[in-house]
């Protein structure tokens, strides 16, 4: 979920009226908080399966659950897909919330962390990821870090649609010309040549969720994609 949700600006938190807040509901809210998402709304689904009194109880539970989070003041829209109840209200609320979001700028250096790599018959190697900053066009050269391989963009897709250009925040699939799948790994990064260089050092900001029952101990080694990180006291 983390790789898929990275880069989004708006979250629709879906909670079933007949089940209420589930463990994955809490997990998804925490992940969205850690990703820095600041806007969203709640769809309270399956209202056709519960009585009115139970529905009010679940709404009250959700309001309490969201207190102190980025969704504290978000609208809660009860809906039923089966009976088509209040779906237009939900669509209107999504439009209204989306209208409050500023368009992303294309400042910064082009970076696309790879979260998936595969081969398509007739096309060759394809990588997917969320474009972190700037924009990229078909035909441009890219460098694959940390190996430093140079490739050229043969094609770009955004939400299964062929495009000539992708920009910051979009989930992007890039068809690379002349690069073997075996040369790229999840966690590699696409950049413009000679704009970013690999390093053996990095600064990390750790946000520890209050909901975590375990104490975070400094001095412990934590596994990461390409090695280990030691947590030191501030």
Protein backbone atom coordinates (compact mmCIF):
# COMPACT_ATOMS: atom_id res chain seq x y z
CA UNK A 1 0.00 0.00 0.00
CA UNK A 2 2.85 2.40 0.82
CA UNK A 3 4.33 2.30 -2.68
CA UNK A 4 0.90 2.64 -4.28
CA UNK A 5 -0.27 5.52 -2.10
CA UNK A 6 2.94 7.55 -2.25
CA UNK A 7 2.34 10.81 -4.11
CA UNK A 8 -1.44 11.02 -3.68
CA UNK A 9 -3.03 14.22 -2.36
CA UNK A 10 -6.48 13.03 -1.36
CA UNK A 11 -7.65 9.90 0.44
CA UNK A 12 -11.10 8.33 0.49
CA UNK A 13 -11.26 6.24 3.66
CA UNK A 14 -13.88 3.52 3.19
CA UNK A 15 -15.53 2.01 6.28
CA UNK A 16 -18.35 -0.55 6.11
CA UNK A 17 -21.30 0.29 8.36
CA UNK A 18 -21.86 -3.36 9.27
CA UNK A 19 -18.23 -3.87 10.35
CA UNK A 20 -17.08 -0.50 11.65
CA UNK A 21 -13.42 0.36 12.23
CA UNK A 22 -11.21 -2.63 11.47
CA UNK A 23 -7.46 -3.17 12.09
CA UNK A 24 -6.68 -2.38 8.44
CA UNK A 25 -8.65 0.88 8.76
CA UNK A 26 -6.25 2.01 11.48
CA UNK A 27 -3.24 0.82 9.51
CA UNK A 28 -4.32 2.69 6.37
CA UNK A 29 -4.93 5.90 8.29
CA UNK A 30 -1.50 5.66 9.93
CA UNK A 31 0.22 5.08 6.58
CA UNK A 32 -1.58 8.05 5.01
CA UNK A 33 -0.48 10.20 7.96
CA UNK A 34 3.15 9.10 7.56
CA UNK A 35 2.97 9.87 3.83
CA UNK A 36 2.01 13.45 4.65
CA UNK A 37 -1.48 13.38 3.15
CA UNK A 38 -3.53 16.27 4.55
CA UNK A 39 -6.94 16.04 2.89
CA UNK A 40 -9.63 13.43 2.50
CA UNK A 41 -13.12 12.24 3.36
CA UNK A 42 -14.88 9.13 4.65
CA UNK A 43 -17.30 6.89 2.76
CA UNK A 44 -19.47 4.96 5.20
CA UNK A 45 -20.66 2.09 2.99
CA UNK A 46 -23.28 -0.69 3.20
CA UNK A 47 -25.79 1.46 5.09
CA UNK A 48 -28.56 -0.73 3.65
CA UNK A 49 -27.39 -3.56 5.94
CA UNK A 50 -27.79 -1.75 9.28
CA UNK A 51 -30.50 -0.04 11.32
CA UNK A 52 -30.53 3.74 11.70
CA UNK A 53 -29.53 3.60 15.39
CA UNK A 54 -26.53 1.39 14.56
CA UNK A 55 -25.52 3.74 11.74
CA UNK A 56 -25.45 6.71 14.13
CA UNK A 57 -23.37 4.67 16.57
CA UNK A 58 -20.81 3.82 13.88
CA UNK A 59 -20.64 7.47 12.75
CA UNK A 60 -19.96 8.50 16.35
CA UNK A 61 -17.23 5.85 16.60
CA UNK A 62 -15.60 7.12 13.40
CA UNK A 63 -15.66 10.73 14.60
CA UNK A 64 -13.91 9.70 17.81
CA UNK A 65 -11.41 7.55 15.92
CA UNK A 66 -10.44 10.40 13.56
CA UNK A 67 -10.00 12.95 16.36
CA UNK A 68 -6.51 14.43 16.19
CA UNK A 69 -5.82 13.04 12.70
CA UNK A 70 -5.72 14.87 9.36
CA UNK A 71 -9.28 13.60 8.77
CA UNK A 72 -10.64 15.07 12.02
CA UNK A 73 -12.93 17.52 10.21
CA UNK A 74 -13.47 15.45 7.07
CA UNK A 75 -17.04 14.83 5.88
CA UNK A 76 -18.49 11.38 6.59
CA UNK A 77 -20.84 10.37 3.77
CA UNK A 78 -23.13 7.35 4.37
CA UNK A 79 -23.77 5.50 1.09
CA UNK A 80 -25.22 2.30 -0.33
CA UNK A 81 -23.90 1.00 -3.64
CA UNK A 82 -26.65 -1.62 -3.82
CA UNK A 83 -29.50 0.86 -3.38
CA UNK A 84 -27.65 3.77 -5.04
CA UNK A 85 -28.21 5.92 -1.95
CA UNK A 86 -26.32 9.22 -1.59
CA UNK A 87 -23.73 8.36 -4.23
CA UNK A 88 -24.19 11.80 -5.79
CA UNK A 89 -23.44 13.33 -2.36
CA UNK A 90 -20.20 11.35 -2.20
CA UNK A 91 -19.17 12.42 -5.71
CA UNK A 92 -19.94 16.05 -4.83
CA UNK A 93 -17.88 15.81 -1.64
CA UNK A 94 -14.94 14.33 -3.57
CA UNK A 95 -15.14 17.15 -6.15
CA UNK A 96 -15.32 19.80 -3.42
CA UNK A 97 -12.34 18.37 -1.52
CA UNK A 98 -10.28 17.88 -4.69
CA UNK A 99 -10.96 21.51 -5.61
CA UNK A 100 -9.15 22.62 -2.45
CA UNK A 101 -5.88 20.95 -3.50
CA UNK A 102 -3.21 23.03 -5.19
CA UNK A 103 -1.68 21.65 -8.37
CA UNK A 104 1.77 20.15 -7.87
CA UNK A 105 4.70 22.19 -9.12
CA UNK A 106 7.39 20.62 -11.29
CA UNK A 107 10.22 22.05 -9.20
CA UNK A 108 13.13 19.84 -8.28
CA UNK A 109 15.10 17.07 -9.94
CA UNK A 110 13.38 14.27 -11.82
CA UNK A 111 13.22 11.14 -9.64
CA UNK A 112 11.16 8.00 -10.00
CA UNK A 113 11.79 5.25 -7.40
CA UNK A 114 11.10 1.84 -8.96
CA UNK A 115 8.57 -0.29 -7.08
CA UNK A 116 7.98 -2.85 -9.84
CA UNK A 117 9.88 -4.10 -12.90
CA UNK A 118 8.66 -6.58 -15.51
CA UNK A 119 8.89 -7.50 -19.20
CA UNK A 120 6.09 -7.04 -21.74
CA UNK A 121 6.16 -9.07 -24.95
CA UNK A 122 6.89 -6.78 -27.88
CA UNK A 123 7.90 -3.86 -25.66
CA UNK A 124 10.70 -5.05 -23.40
CA UNK A 125 11.46 -3.79 -19.91
CA UNK A 126 8.85 -1.74 -18.04
CA UNK A 127 9.28 -0.08 -14.63
CA UNK A 128 6.56 1.49 -12.49
CA UNK A 129 6.64 3.97 -9.65
CA UNK A 130 5.39 7.32 -8.39
CA UNK A 131 7.10 10.28 -10.02
CA UNK A 132 8.48 12.20 -7.03
CA UNK A 133 9.41 15.50 -8.66
CA UNK A 134 9.72 17.31 -11.99
CA UNK A 135 8.46 15.73 -15.24
CA UNK A 136 9.74 13.43 -17.97
CA UNK A 137 8.98 12.95 -21.69
CA UNK A 138 9.11 10.11 -24.20
CA UNK A 139 12.51 10.04 -25.91
CA UNK A 140 14.49 11.42 -22.99
CA UNK A 141 17.52 9.65 -21.54
CA UNK A 142 17.39 8.41 -17.96
CA UNK A 143 19.98 6.99 -15.62
CA UNK A 144 19.21 4.03 -13.34
CA UNK A 145 20.81 4.33 -9.92
CA UNK A 146 22.76 3.01 -8.12
CA UNK A 147 24.21 1.00 -11.04
CA UNK A 148 24.47 4.11 -13.24
CA UNK A 149 23.01 2.47 -16.37
CA UNK A 150 21.82 4.80 -19.13
CA UNK A 151 18.59 4.09 -21.01
CA UNK A 152 16.08 5.91 -23.18
CA UNK A 153 12.33 6.20 -22.61
CA UNK A 154 10.44 4.34 -25.32
CA UNK A 155 6.96 4.95 -23.93
CA UNK A 156 5.04 6.25 -20.90
CA UNK A 157 1.69 5.20 -19.45
CA UNK A 158 -0.32 6.89 -16.72
CA UNK A 159 -3.36 4.92 -15.49
CA UNK A 160 -3.11 2.57 -18.52
CA UNK A 161 -3.19 5.49 -20.97
CA UNK A 162 -0.32 6.24 -23.35
CA UNK A 163 1.03 9.77 -22.74
CA UNK A 164 3.93 11.79 -24.08
CA UNK A 165 4.78 13.27 -20.69
CA UNK A 166 4.34 12.44 -17.00
CA UNK A 167 4.78 14.79 -14.07
CA UNK A 168 5.18 14.92 -10.31
CA UNK A 169 2.72 12.87 -8.26
CA UNK A 170 1.57 10.56 -11.05
CA UNK A 171 1.73 6.78 -10.91
CA UNK A 172 3.84 6.10 -13.97
CA UNK A 173 4.87 3.11 -16.10
CA UNK A 174 7.98 3.68 -18.23
CA UNK A 175 9.06 1.44 -21.10
CA UNK A 176 12.87 1.46 -21.22
CA UNK A 177 14.73 0.90 -24.45
CA UNK A 178 17.68 -1.50 -24.54
CA UNK A 179 17.74 -2.33 -20.82
CA UNK A 180 17.32 -5.84 -19.48
CA UNK A 181 14.90 -6.56 -16.64
CA UNK A 182 17.67 -8.34 -14.73
CA UNK A 183 19.64 -5.07 -14.52
CA UNK A 184 16.93 -3.25 -12.50
CA UNK A 185 15.68 -3.94 -8.98
CA UNK A 186 12.86 -2.68 -6.81
CA UNK A 187 14.28 0.31 -4.94
CA UNK A 188 16.40 1.58 -7.85
CA UNK A 189 15.77 5.18 -8.92
CA UNK A 190 15.36 6.71 -12.37
CA UNK A 191 16.94 10.17 -12.73
CA UNK A 192 18.22 12.38 -15.52
CA UNK A 193 21.87 11.53 -16.26
CA UNK A 194 24.43 13.20 -14.01
CA UNK A 195 21.90 14.96 -11.76
CA UNK A 196 21.93 12.61 -8.74
CA UNK A 197 24.71 10.39 -7.39
CA UNK A 198 24.57 7.37 -5.05
CA UNK A 199 25.81 7.87 -1.50
CA UNK A 200 26.76 5.66 1.44
CA UNK A 201 25.27 8.15 3.90
CA UNK A 202 21.75 9.47 4.42
CA UNK A 203 19.73 11.53 6.88
CA UNK A 204 16.56 9.91 8.19
CA UNK A 205 13.62 11.45 10.03
CA UNK A 206 11.71 8.85 12.03
CA UNK A 207 8.09 9.53 13.02
CA UNK A 208 7.00 6.98 15.61
CA UNK A 209 3.26 6.38 15.79
CA UNK A 210 1.65 6.98 19.16
CA UNK A 211 -0.50 3.91 18.50
CA UNK A 212 2.58 1.66 18.59
CA UNK A 213 2.65 -0.22 21.89
CA UNK A 214 6.40 -0.93 21.75
CA UNK A 215 9.08 1.56 22.76
CA UNK A 216 11.55 2.55 20.06
CA UNK A 217 15.08 1.94 21.32
CA UNK A 218 17.99 3.97 20.01
CA UNK A 219 21.14 2.17 18.98
CA UNK A 220 19.21 -0.64 17.26
CA UNK A 221 19.90 -1.75 13.71
CA UNK A 222 16.93 -1.73 11.34
CA UNK A 223 16.86 -3.43 7.94
CA UNK A 224 16.33 -1.27 4.85
CA UNK A 225 16.26 -1.99 1.12
CA UNK A 226 20.01 -2.13 0.55
CA UNK A 227 21.54 -2.59 3.98
CA UNK A 228 20.98 -1.57 7.58
CA UNK A 229 20.36 1.69 9.41
CA UNK A 230 21.34 2.35 13.01
CA UNK A 231 18.97 4.55 15.05
CA UNK A 232 20.92 7.03 17.16
CA UNK A 233 19.62 9.39 19.86
CA UNK A 234 18.84 12.93 18.69
